Amino acid sequence: MRRLIYGMNVSLDGYIAAPGGDIGWGVPSDELFQFWSDQLEATDLTLYGRKLWQTMSSHWPTGDQQPGATPAEIGFARRWRDMSKVVFSSTIDKVDWNTRLVSGDAVAEITRLRAEDGGPMDIGGASLAGAAMRAGLIDEYVLATTPVLVGGGTPFFSALDNWVNLNLVQTRTFPGGVVLNRYETRR
């Protein structure tokens, strides 16, 4: 069975994007970017909701060709292009870069993918991750908390029907006061 991991940069008040989708407050340091790049390298499959897919696919297909791209950005872009991805959306009809589109029941498909043999899966996008959280499918949460209050926007956690008990498995600090916490779901 594969592990499903939900991780993103998050503001101290719990948002992954400020009002209007602004993520400028969460630009990672080189060290934090390398952490996320290493996470991507260890990932077998990434699951995206439409909004995050559109953000990622607008930059990373050519991220390694951008002026001033760092070695970490070049490696991330190449890995991102080559890795298997699934996008869940009922409003788009085409995806590229080694990606499959699913327009049906996201929870059923994530459950099926999770039951397969293989390496870890990452899930990104607040709505998609929220559905997986409510279904009890997420095995690990990774929060890179930035010391900023954005006051609203897109929350990292969605409303849940039941508590989810977690075990802290890692804490790490990064430049700029960012604190990373990894939690496993207690089953």
N, C-alpha and C. Protein backbone atom coordinates (compact mmCIF):
# COMPACT_ATOMS: atom_id res chain seq x y z
N MET A 1 0.84 -1.18 0.00
CA MET A 1 0.00 0.00 0.00
C MET A 1 0.88 1.24 0.00
N ARG A 2 0.53 2.19 -0.83
CA ARG A 2 1.29 3.45 -0.90
C ARG A 2 0.92 4.38 0.25
N ARG A 3 1.86 5.24 0.63
CA ARG A 3 1.60 6.29 1.61
C ARG A 3 1.15 7.54 0.86
N LEU A 4 0.20 8.27 1.43
CA LEU A 4 -0.28 9.52 0.85
C LEU A 4 0.16 10.66 1.76
N ILE A 5 0.90 11.62 1.19
CA ILE A 5 1.49 12.72 1.94
C ILE A 5 0.94 14.05 1.44
N TYR A 6 0.49 14.88 2.38
CA TYR A 6 0.01 16.22 2.06
C TYR A 6 0.95 17.21 2.72
N GLY A 7 1.66 18.00 1.92
CA GLY A 7 2.59 18.97 2.47
C GLY A 7 2.66 20.22 1.63
N MET A 8 2.75 21.36 2.30
CA MET A 8 2.86 22.65 1.61
C MET A 8 3.44 23.69 2.56
N ASN A 9 3.83 24.82 1.99
CA ASN A 9 4.16 26.00 2.80
C ASN A 9 2.84 26.54 3.33
N VAL A 10 2.85 26.96 4.59
CA VAL A 10 1.63 27.45 5.24
C VAL A 10 1.98 28.66 6.10
N SER A 11 1.06 29.63 6.12
CA SER A 11 1.26 30.81 6.98
C SER A 11 1.02 30.40 8.43
N LEU A 12 1.50 31.20 9.35
CA LEU A 12 1.33 30.89 10.77
C LEU A 12 -0.14 30.78 11.14
N ASP A 13 -1.02 31.51 10.43
CA ASP A 13 -2.45 31.42 10.71
C ASP A 13 -3.16 30.37 9.87
N GLY A 14 -2.38 29.49 9.21
CA GLY A 14 -2.95 28.29 8.62
C GLY A 14 -3.37 28.33 7.16
N TYR A 15 -2.87 29.30 6.40
CA TYR A 15 -3.28 29.42 5.00
C TYR A 15 -2.15 29.04 4.05
N ILE A 16 -2.53 28.43 2.90
CA ILE A 16 -1.55 28.11 1.87
C ILE A 16 -1.51 29.18 0.80
N ALA A 17 -2.54 30.02 0.77
CA ALA A 17 -2.58 31.18 -0.12
C ALA A 17 -3.37 32.27 0.57
N ALA A 18 -2.92 33.51 0.41
CA ALA A 18 -3.63 34.66 0.96
C ALA A 18 -4.82 34.97 0.05
N PRO A 19 -5.66 35.91 0.44
CA PRO A 19 -6.78 36.28 -0.43
C PRO A 19 -6.29 36.60 -1.85
N GLY A 20 -7.08 36.18 -2.82
CA GLY A 20 -6.72 36.39 -4.22
C GLY A 20 -5.72 35.38 -4.73
N GLY A 21 -5.41 34.34 -3.93
CA GLY A 21 -4.46 33.31 -4.35
C GLY A 21 -3.01 33.71 -4.21
N ASP A 22 -2.71 34.81 -3.54
CA ASP A 22 -1.34 35.30 -3.39
C ASP A 22 -0.50 34.34 -2.55
N ILE A 23 0.59 33.83 -3.14
CA ILE A 23 1.52 32.96 -2.42
C ILE A 23 2.91 33.59 -2.29
N GLY A 24 3.00 34.89 -2.57
CA GLY A 24 4.28 35.58 -2.52
C GLY A 24 4.94 35.57 -1.16
N TRP A 25 4.17 35.44 -0.11
CA TRP A 25 4.71 35.39 1.26
C TRP A 25 5.43 34.08 1.53
N GLY A 26 5.20 33.06 0.71
CA GLY A 26 5.74 31.73 0.99
C GLY A 26 6.91 31.32 0.12
N VAL A 27 7.62 32.28 -0.46
CA VAL A 27 8.77 31.93 -1.30
C VAL A 27 9.83 31.27 -0.43
N PRO A 28 10.20 30.03 -0.74
CA PRO A 28 11.12 29.30 0.15
C PRO A 28 12.56 29.75 0.00
N SER A 29 13.30 29.63 1.09
CA SER A 29 14.74 29.82 1.04
C SER A 29 15.33 28.71 0.18
N ASP A 30 16.60 28.84 -0.18
CA ASP A 30 17.25 27.78 -0.96
C ASP A 30 17.22 26.45 -0.22
N GLU A 31 17.43 26.51 1.10
CA GLU A 31 17.45 25.29 1.89
C GLU A 31 16.07 24.62 1.94
N LEU A 32 15.00 25.43 2.09
CA LEU A 32 13.65 24.87 2.10
C LEU A 32 13.27 24.36 0.70
N PHE A 33 13.67 25.09 -0.33
CA PHE A 33 13.38 24.63 -1.69
C PHE A 33 14.05 23.27 -1.92
N GLN A 34 15.28 23.12 -1.44
CA GLN A 34 15.97 21.83 -1.59
C GLN A 34 15.23 20.73 -0.84
N PHE A 35 14.69 21.04 0.34
CA PHE A 35 13.88 20.06 1.06
C PHE A 35 12.71 19.60 0.20
N TRP A 36 11.96 20.56 -0.37
CA TRP A 36 10.80 20.19 -1.21
C TRP A 36 11.25 19.44 -2.45
N SER A 37 12.40 19.80 -3.00
CA SER A 37 12.93 19.09 -4.16
C SER A 37 13.28 17.64 -3.80
N ASP A 38 13.88 17.45 -2.63
CA ASP A 38 14.19 16.09 -2.16
C ASP A 38 12.91 15.29 -1.94
N GLN A 39 11.87 15.96 -1.41
CA GLN A 39 10.57 15.29 -1.24
C GLN A 39 10.03 14.82 -2.59
N LEU A 40 10.13 15.70 -3.59
CA LEU A 40 9.65 15.34 -4.92
C LEU A 40 10.42 14.15 -5.47
N GLU A 41 11.72 14.14 -5.24
CA GLU A 41 12.57 13.04 -5.72
C GLU A 41 12.14 11.71 -5.11
N ALA A 42 11.66 11.74 -3.88
CA ALA A 42 11.24 10.51 -3.19
C ALA A 42 9.80 10.12 -3.49
N THR A 43 9.12 10.93 -4.30
CA THR A 43 7.70 10.70 -4.60
C THR A 43 7.54 9.91 -5.88
N ASP A 44 6.64 8.95 -5.85
CA ASP A 44 6.38 8.11 -7.01
C ASP A 44 5.28 8.69 -7.90
N LEU A 45 4.32 9.38 -7.29
CA LEU A 45 3.16 9.90 -8.01
C LEU A 45 2.64 11.13 -7.27
N THR A 46 2.31 12.18 -8.03
CA THR A 46 1.75 13.37 -7.42
C THR A 46 0.32 13.56 -7.90
N LEU A 47 -0.57 13.88 -6.96
CA LEU A 47 -1.98 14.11 -7.23
C LEU A 47 -2.26 15.60 -7.06
N TYR A 48 -2.89 16.20 -8.07
CA TYR A 48 -3.17 17.63 -8.04
C TYR A 48 -4.65 17.92 -8.23
N GLY A 49 -5.11 18.95 -7.55
CA GLY A 49 -6.37 19.57 -7.90
C GLY A 49 -6.12 20.53 -9.05
N ARG A 50 -7.17 21.00 -9.68
CA ARG A 50 -7.03 21.85 -10.87
C ARG A 50 -6.23 23.12 -10.62
N LYS A 51 -6.53 23.86 -9.55
CA LYS A 51 -5.87 25.15 -9.33
C LYS A 51 -4.36 24.99 -9.15
N LEU A 52 -3.96 24.05 -8.31
CA LEU A 52 -2.52 23.85 -8.10
C LEU A 52 -1.87 23.32 -9.38
N TRP A 53 -2.56 22.44 -10.10
CA TRP A 53 -2.03 21.95 -11.37
C TRP A 53 -1.76 23.12 -12.32
N GLN A 54 -2.70 24.04 -12.42
CA GLN A 54 -2.52 25.16 -13.34
C GLN A 54 -1.35 26.04 -12.90
N THR A 55 -1.16 26.21 -11.60
CA THR A 55 -0.02 26.97 -11.10
C THR A 55 1.29 26.26 -11.44
N MET A 56 1.36 24.97 -11.12
CA MET A 56 2.59 24.21 -11.36
C MET A 56 2.90 24.10 -12.86
N SER A 57 1.89 23.81 -13.66
CA SER A 57 2.13 23.58 -15.10
C SER A 57 2.38 24.88 -15.86
N SER A 58 2.13 26.02 -15.23
CA SER A 58 2.45 27.28 -15.90
C SER A 58 3.93 27.64 -15.76
N HIS A 59 4.64 26.98 -14.85
CA HIS A 59 6.05 27.32 -14.63
C HIS A 59 7.02 26.15 -14.83
N TRP A 60 6.74 25.00 -14.22
CA TRP A 60 7.75 23.96 -14.12
C TRP A 60 8.10 23.23 -15.42
N PRO A 61 7.26 23.18 -16.43
CA PRO A 61 7.69 22.52 -17.66
C PRO A 61 8.94 23.16 -18.28
N THR A 62 9.13 24.45 -18.06
CA THR A 62 10.31 25.13 -18.59
C THR A 62 11.12 25.78 -17.47
N GLY A 63 10.88 25.39 -16.24
CA GLY A 63 11.57 25.99 -15.10
C GLY A 63 13.08 25.84 -15.17
N ASP A 64 13.55 24.78 -15.80
CA ASP A 64 15.00 24.57 -15.91
C ASP A 64 15.63 25.44 -16.99
N GLN A 65 14.83 26.10 -17.81
CA GLN A 65 15.33 26.94 -18.90
C GLN A 65 15.22 28.43 -18.58
N GLN A 66 14.75 28.77 -17.39
CA GLN A 66 14.57 30.17 -17.00
C GLN A 66 15.92 30.80 -16.67
N PRO A 67 16.10 32.06 -17.06
CA PRO A 67 17.36 32.75 -16.71
C PRO A 67 17.56 32.73 -15.19
N GLY A 68 18.76 32.39 -14.78
CA GLY A 68 19.09 32.38 -13.36
C GLY A 68 18.57 31.19 -12.59
N ALA A 69 18.06 30.18 -13.28
CA ALA A 69 17.57 28.98 -12.57
C ALA A 69 18.72 28.35 -11.78
N THR A 70 18.46 28.05 -10.53
CA THR A 70 19.47 27.44 -9.67
C THR A 70 19.57 25.95 -9.98
N PRO A 71 20.64 25.29 -9.56
CA PRO A 71 20.71 23.84 -9.76
C PRO A 71 19.51 23.11 -9.14
N ALA A 72 19.05 23.57 -7.99
CA ALA A 72 17.89 22.93 -7.36
C ALA A 72 16.64 23.12 -8.21
N GLU A 73 16.44 24.30 -8.76
CA GLU A 73 15.28 24.55 -9.63
C GLU A 73 15.36 23.73 -10.92
N ILE A 74 16.55 23.60 -11.46
CA ILE A 74 16.73 22.80 -12.67
C ILE A 74 16.38 21.35 -12.39
N GLY A 75 16.89 20.82 -11.28
CA GLY A 75 16.58 19.43 -10.92
C GLY A 75 15.11 19.23 -10.65
N PHE A 76 14.48 20.19 -9.95
CA PHE A 76 13.07 20.10 -9.64
C PHE A 76 12.24 20.08 -10.93
N ALA A 77 12.55 20.99 -11.84
CA ALA A 77 11.80 21.08 -13.10
C ALA A 77 11.90 19.79 -13.90
N ARG A 78 13.07 19.24 -13.98
CA ARG A 78 13.26 17.99 -14.75
C ARG A 78 12.53 16.83 -14.10
N ARG A 79 12.63 16.72 -12.80
CA ARG A 79 11.92 15.66 -12.09
C ARG A 79 10.41 15.85 -12.23
N TRP A 80 9.94 17.08 -12.08
CA TRP A 80 8.51 17.36 -12.18
C TRP A 80 7.98 16.95 -13.55
N ARG A 81 8.68 17.32 -14.60
CA ARG A 81 8.24 16.96 -15.96
C ARG A 81 8.15 15.46 -16.16
N ASP A 82 9.14 14.74 -15.63
CA ASP A 82 9.26 13.31 -15.89
C ASP A 82 8.37 12.44 -15.02
N MET A 83 8.01 12.92 -13.84
CA MET A 83 7.29 12.07 -12.90
C MET A 83 5.83 11.90 -13.32
N SER A 84 5.23 10.83 -12.84
CA SER A 84 3.81 10.58 -13.09
C SER A 84 2.97 11.49 -12.22
N LYS A 85 1.92 12.04 -12.83
CA LYS A 85 1.02 12.96 -12.13
C LYS A 85 -0.42 12.62 -12.51
N VAL A 86 -1.33 12.88 -11.59
CA VAL A 86 -2.76 12.75 -11.84
C VAL A 86 -3.40 14.07 -11.46
N VAL A 87 -4.22 14.61 -12.35
CA VAL A 87 -4.96 15.84 -12.08
C VAL A 87 -6.43 15.49 -11.98
N PHE A 88 -7.07 15.97 -10.91
CA PHE A 88 -8.49 15.75 -10.69
C PHE A 88 -9.23 17.05 -11.03
N SER A 89 -10.06 16.99 -12.07
CA SER A 89 -10.81 18.18 -12.47
C SER A 89 -11.96 17.79 -13.38
N SER A 90 -13.06 18.49 -13.23
CA SER A 90 -14.18 18.32 -14.14
C SER A 90 -14.31 19.52 -15.07
N THR A 91 -13.38 20.47 -14.97
CA THR A 91 -13.48 21.68 -15.78
C THR A 91 -12.40 21.83 -16.84
N ILE A 92 -11.36 21.03 -16.80
CA ILE A 92 -10.37 21.06 -17.88
C ILE A 92 -10.45 19.73 -18.63
N ASP A 93 -9.98 19.74 -19.86
CA ASP A 93 -10.10 18.51 -20.65
C ASP A 93 -8.78 18.03 -21.22
N LYS A 94 -7.66 18.68 -20.87
CA LYS A 94 -6.37 18.27 -21.40
C LYS A 94 -5.26 18.56 -20.39
N VAL A 95 -4.35 17.63 -20.25
CA VAL A 95 -3.15 17.81 -19.42
C VAL A 95 -1.95 17.25 -20.19
N ASP A 96 -0.77 17.73 -19.85
CA ASP A 96 0.47 17.29 -20.51
C ASP A 96 1.49 16.87 -19.46
N TRP A 97 2.69 16.56 -19.92
CA TRP A 97 3.85 16.29 -19.08
C TRP A 97 3.66 15.07 -18.18
N ASN A 98 3.40 13.93 -18.80
CA ASN A 98 3.31 12.66 -18.08
C ASN A 98 2.20 12.69 -17.03
N THR A 99 1.05 13.24 -17.44
CA THR A 99 -0.06 13.46 -16.52
C THR A 99 -1.33 12.81 -17.06
N ARG A 100 -2.11 12.28 -16.14
CA ARG A 100 -3.41 11.68 -16.48
C ARG A 100 -4.49 12.52 -15.82
N LEU A 101 -5.60 12.72 -16.54
CA LEU A 101 -6.72 13.51 -16.03
C LEU A 101 -7.82 12.58 -15.54
N VAL A 102 -8.34 12.88 -14.35
CA VAL A 102 -9.46 12.13 -13.78
C VAL A 102 -10.59 13.13 -13.52
N SER A 103 -11.75 12.88 -14.10
CA SER A 103 -12.88 13.79 -13.89
C SER A 103 -13.97 13.17 -13.03
N GLY A 104 -13.79 11.92 -12.63
CA GLY A 104 -14.79 11.23 -11.82
C GLY A 104 -14.55 11.41 -10.33
N ASP A 105 -14.97 10.42 -9.57
CA ASP A 105 -14.91 10.43 -8.11
C ASP A 105 -13.46 10.41 -7.62
N ALA A 106 -13.00 11.55 -7.10
CA ALA A 106 -11.61 11.68 -6.66
C ALA A 106 -11.29 10.74 -5.51
N VAL A 107 -12.17 10.65 -4.53
CA VAL A 107 -11.90 9.80 -3.36
C VAL A 107 -11.78 8.34 -3.78
N ALA A 108 -12.64 7.88 -4.66
CA ALA A 108 -12.57 6.49 -5.13
C ALA A 108 -11.25 6.23 -5.86
N GLU A 109 -10.82 7.18 -6.71
CA GLU A 109 -9.58 7.00 -7.45
C GLU A 109 -8.36 7.07 -6.53
N ILE A 110 -8.37 7.98 -5.57
CA ILE A 110 -7.25 8.07 -4.62
C ILE A 110 -7.19 6.79 -3.78
N THR A 111 -8.31 6.28 -3.38
CA THR A 111 -8.37 5.02 -2.62
C THR A 111 -7.77 3.89 -3.44
N ARG A 112 -8.13 3.82 -4.72
CA ARG A 112 -7.59 2.78 -5.61
C ARG A 112 -6.08 2.93 -5.76
N LEU A 113 -5.61 4.15 -6.02
CA LEU A 113 -4.18 4.39 -6.19
C LEU A 113 -3.40 4.07 -4.91
N ARG A 114 -3.95 4.43 -3.79
CA ARG A 114 -3.30 4.20 -2.49
C ARG A 114 -3.16 2.71 -2.21
N ALA A 115 -4.11 1.90 -2.68
CA ALA A 115 -4.09 0.46 -2.44
C ALA A 115 -3.06 -0.26 -3.31
N GLU A 116 -2.55 0.39 -4.34
CA GLU A 116 -1.57 -0.23 -5.23
C GLU A 116 -0.20 -0.33 -4.57
N ASP A 117 0.62 -1.21 -5.11
CA ASP A 117 2.03 -1.24 -4.71
C ASP A 117 2.72 -0.04 -5.34
N GLY A 118 3.74 0.45 -4.68
CA GLY A 118 4.49 1.57 -5.23
C GLY A 118 4.99 2.48 -4.14
N GLY A 119 5.70 3.51 -4.59
CA GLY A 119 6.26 4.48 -3.67
C GLY A 119 5.23 5.49 -3.22
N PRO A 120 5.67 6.43 -2.38
CA PRO A 120 4.75 7.42 -1.81
C PRO A 120 4.09 8.29 -2.88
N MET A 121 2.91 8.78 -2.52
CA MET A 121 2.18 9.73 -3.35
C MET A 121 2.06 11.04 -2.57
N ASP A 122 2.22 12.15 -3.28
CA ASP A 122 1.96 13.47 -2.70
C ASP A 122 0.62 13.93 -3.22
N ILE A 123 -0.09 14.69 -2.41
CA ILE A 123 -1.36 15.28 -2.82
C ILE A 123 -1.25 16.78 -2.61
N GLY A 124 -1.69 17.56 -3.59
CA GLY A 124 -1.63 19.01 -3.49
C GLY A 124 -2.91 19.64 -3.99
N GLY A 125 -3.25 20.73 -3.36
CA GLY A 125 -4.49 21.43 -3.68
C GLY A 125 -5.43 21.28 -2.51
N ALA A 126 -5.89 22.40 -1.97
CA ALA A 126 -6.66 22.38 -0.73
C ALA A 126 -7.96 21.60 -0.84
N SER A 127 -8.69 21.76 -1.93
CA SER A 127 -9.98 21.06 -2.06
C SER A 127 -9.77 19.56 -2.20
N LEU A 128 -8.83 19.17 -3.04
CA LEU A 128 -8.55 17.74 -3.24
C LEU A 128 -8.04 17.12 -1.94
N ALA A 129 -7.08 17.78 -1.30
CA ALA A 129 -6.55 17.25 -0.04
C ALA A 129 -7.64 17.20 1.03
N GLY A 130 -8.54 18.19 1.04
CA GLY A 130 -9.64 18.19 2.00
C GLY A 130 -10.53 16.97 1.85
N ALA A 131 -10.82 16.60 0.60
CA ALA A 131 -11.64 15.40 0.36
C ALA A 131 -10.91 14.16 0.85
N ALA A 132 -9.60 14.09 0.60
CA ALA A 132 -8.81 12.94 1.06
C ALA A 132 -8.73 12.90 2.58
N MET A 133 -8.62 14.08 3.22
CA MET A 133 -8.60 14.15 4.69
C MET A 133 -9.90 13.61 5.27
N ARG A 134 -11.02 14.10 4.74
CA ARG A 134 -12.32 13.66 5.26
C ARG A 134 -12.54 12.17 5.06
N ALA A 135 -11.92 11.59 4.03
CA ALA A 135 -12.04 10.16 3.78
C ALA A 135 -11.02 9.34 4.56
N GLY A 136 -10.15 10.00 5.33
CA GLY A 136 -9.15 9.29 6.14
C GLY A 136 -8.03 8.68 5.32
N LEU A 137 -7.69 9.27 4.18
CA LEU A 137 -6.70 8.69 3.28
C LEU A 137 -5.28 9.23 3.45
N ILE A 138 -5.11 10.33 4.16
CA ILE A 138 -3.78 10.95 4.27
C ILE A 138 -3.01 10.31 5.42
N ASP A 139 -1.80 9.85 5.09
CA ASP A 139 -0.94 9.18 6.05
C ASP A 139 0.03 10.13 6.75
N GLU A 140 0.38 11.22 6.07
CA GLU A 140 1.39 12.13 6.61
C GLU A 140 1.08 13.56 6.19
N TYR A 141 1.31 14.49 7.12
CA TYR A 141 1.14 15.92 6.88
C TYR A 141 2.49 16.59 7.07
N VAL A 142 2.90 17.45 6.12
CA VAL A 142 4.16 18.17 6.20
C VAL A 142 3.83 19.66 6.06
N LEU A 143 4.07 20.40 7.13
CA LEU A 143 3.76 21.83 7.14
C LEU A 143 5.05 22.62 7.32
N ALA A 144 5.37 23.46 6.33
CA ALA A 144 6.49 24.39 6.44
C ALA A 144 5.88 25.74 6.80
N THR A 145 5.86 26.04 8.10
CA THR A 145 5.14 27.21 8.60
C THR A 145 6.02 28.45 8.54
N THR A 146 5.55 29.42 7.77
CA THR A 146 6.25 30.69 7.58
C THR A 146 5.73 31.70 8.60
N PRO A 147 6.62 32.46 9.24
CA PRO A 147 6.17 33.41 10.26
C PRO A 147 5.54 34.66 9.64
N VAL A 148 4.35 34.47 9.09
CA VAL A 148 3.57 35.57 8.53
C VAL A 148 2.10 35.28 8.80
N LEU A 149 1.34 36.32 9.06
CA LEU A 149 -0.11 36.20 9.22
C LEU A 149 -0.74 36.83 7.98
N VAL A 150 -1.52 36.06 7.23
CA VAL A 150 -2.12 36.60 6.00
C VAL A 150 -3.58 36.95 6.18
N GLY A 151 -4.20 36.52 7.28
CA GLY A 151 -5.53 36.95 7.64
C GLY A 151 -6.69 36.32 6.90
N GLY A 152 -6.44 35.41 6.00
CA GLY A 152 -7.51 34.76 5.26
C GLY A 152 -6.95 34.17 3.98
N GLY A 153 -7.83 33.54 3.22
CA GLY A 153 -7.40 32.95 1.96
C GLY A 153 -7.78 31.49 1.90
N THR A 154 -6.88 30.66 1.40
CA THR A 154 -7.11 29.23 1.25
C THR A 154 -6.48 28.50 2.43
N PRO A 155 -7.28 27.86 3.28
CA PRO A 155 -6.71 27.17 4.44
C PRO A 155 -6.03 25.86 4.05
N PHE A 156 -4.99 25.51 4.81
CA PHE A 156 -4.31 24.22 4.62
C PHE A 156 -5.26 23.08 4.99
N PHE A 157 -5.95 23.23 6.11
CA PHE A 157 -6.87 22.21 6.57
C PHE A 157 -8.31 22.60 6.25
N SER A 158 -9.07 21.64 5.80
CA SER A 158 -10.50 21.89 5.55
C SER A 158 -11.29 21.44 6.78
N ALA A 159 -12.57 21.77 6.78
CA ALA A 159 -13.44 21.33 7.87
C ALA A 159 -13.53 19.80 7.83
N LEU A 160 -13.47 19.19 8.99
CA LEU A 160 -13.50 17.74 9.10
C LEU A 160 -14.73 17.29 9.88
N ASP A 161 -15.15 16.07 9.62
CA ASP A 161 -16.28 15.50 10.35
C ASP A 161 -15.84 14.90 11.69
N ASN A 162 -14.58 14.47 11.76
CA ASN A 162 -14.05 13.82 12.97
C ASN A 162 -12.62 14.30 13.20
N TRP A 163 -12.17 14.15 14.42
CA TRP A 163 -10.78 14.46 14.74
C TRP A 163 -9.86 13.50 14.01
N VAL A 164 -8.65 13.99 13.72
CA VAL A 164 -7.60 13.14 13.18
C VAL A 164 -6.43 13.26 14.15
N ASN A 165 -6.10 12.18 14.82
CA ASN A 165 -4.99 12.19 15.77
C ASN A 165 -3.69 11.95 15.02
N LEU A 166 -2.67 12.71 15.41
CA LEU A 166 -1.40 12.69 14.71
C LEU A 166 -0.24 12.46 15.68
N ASN A 167 0.85 11.93 15.15
CA ASN A 167 2.10 11.80 15.89
C ASN A 167 3.14 12.68 15.22
N LEU A 168 3.82 13.53 15.98
CA LEU A 168 4.91 14.34 15.46
C LEU A 168 6.10 13.43 15.19
N VAL A 169 6.63 13.47 13.95
CA VAL A 169 7.78 12.62 13.61
C VAL A 169 9.03 13.42 13.26
N GLN A 170 8.87 14.72 12.99
CA GLN A 170 10.05 15.53 12.68
C GLN A 170 9.73 17.00 12.87
N THR A 171 10.70 17.74 13.42
CA THR A 171 10.67 19.19 13.46
C THR A 171 12.02 19.68 12.98
N ARG A 172 11.99 20.68 12.12
CA ARG A 172 13.24 21.21 11.56
C ARG A 172 13.05 22.70 11.29
N THR A 173 14.07 23.49 11.55
CA THR A 173 13.98 24.92 11.26
C THR A 173 14.76 25.24 9.98
N PHE A 174 14.29 26.27 9.30
CA PHE A 174 14.89 26.74 8.06
C PHE A 174 15.14 28.24 8.17
N PRO A 175 15.96 28.80 7.29
CA PRO A 175 16.19 30.25 7.32
C PRO A 175 14.88 31.03 7.24
N GLY A 176 14.91 32.21 7.83
CA GLY A 176 13.73 33.07 7.81
C GLY A 176 12.69 32.72 8.86
N GLY A 177 13.05 31.83 9.78
CA GLY A 177 12.12 31.46 10.84
C GLY A 177 11.08 30.44 10.45
N VAL A 178 11.25 29.79 9.32
CA VAL A 178 10.32 28.75 8.89
C VAL A 178 10.55 27.50 9.72
N VAL A 179 9.46 26.93 10.23
CA VAL A 179 9.53 25.71 11.02
C VAL A 179 8.76 24.62 10.28
N LEU A 180 9.44 23.53 10.01
CA LEU A 180 8.81 22.40 9.34
C LEU A 180 8.43 21.35 10.38
N ASN A 181 7.19 20.92 10.32
CA ASN A 181 6.73 19.82 11.17
C ASN A 181 6.13 18.75 10.28
N ARG A 182 6.52 17.50 10.55
CA ARG A 182 5.94 16.34 9.87
C ARG A 182 5.17 15.54 10.91
N TYR A 183 3.95 15.16 10.53
CA TYR A 183 3.09 14.38 11.40
C TYR A 183 2.59 13.16 10.65
N GLU A 184 2.54 12.02 11.32
CA GLU A 184 1.91 10.82 10.77
C GLU A 184 0.54 10.67 11.40
N THR A 185 -0.40 10.18 10.60
CA THR A 185 -1.73 9.91 11.10
C THR A 185 -1.66 8.70 12.02
N ARG A 186 -2.23 8.84 13.20
CA ARG A 186 -2.29 7.74 14.16
C ARG A 186 -3.49 6.88 13.80
N ARG A 187 -3.23 5.63 13.43
CA ARG A 187 -4.31 4.73 13.01
C ARG A 187 -4.53 3.65 14.04
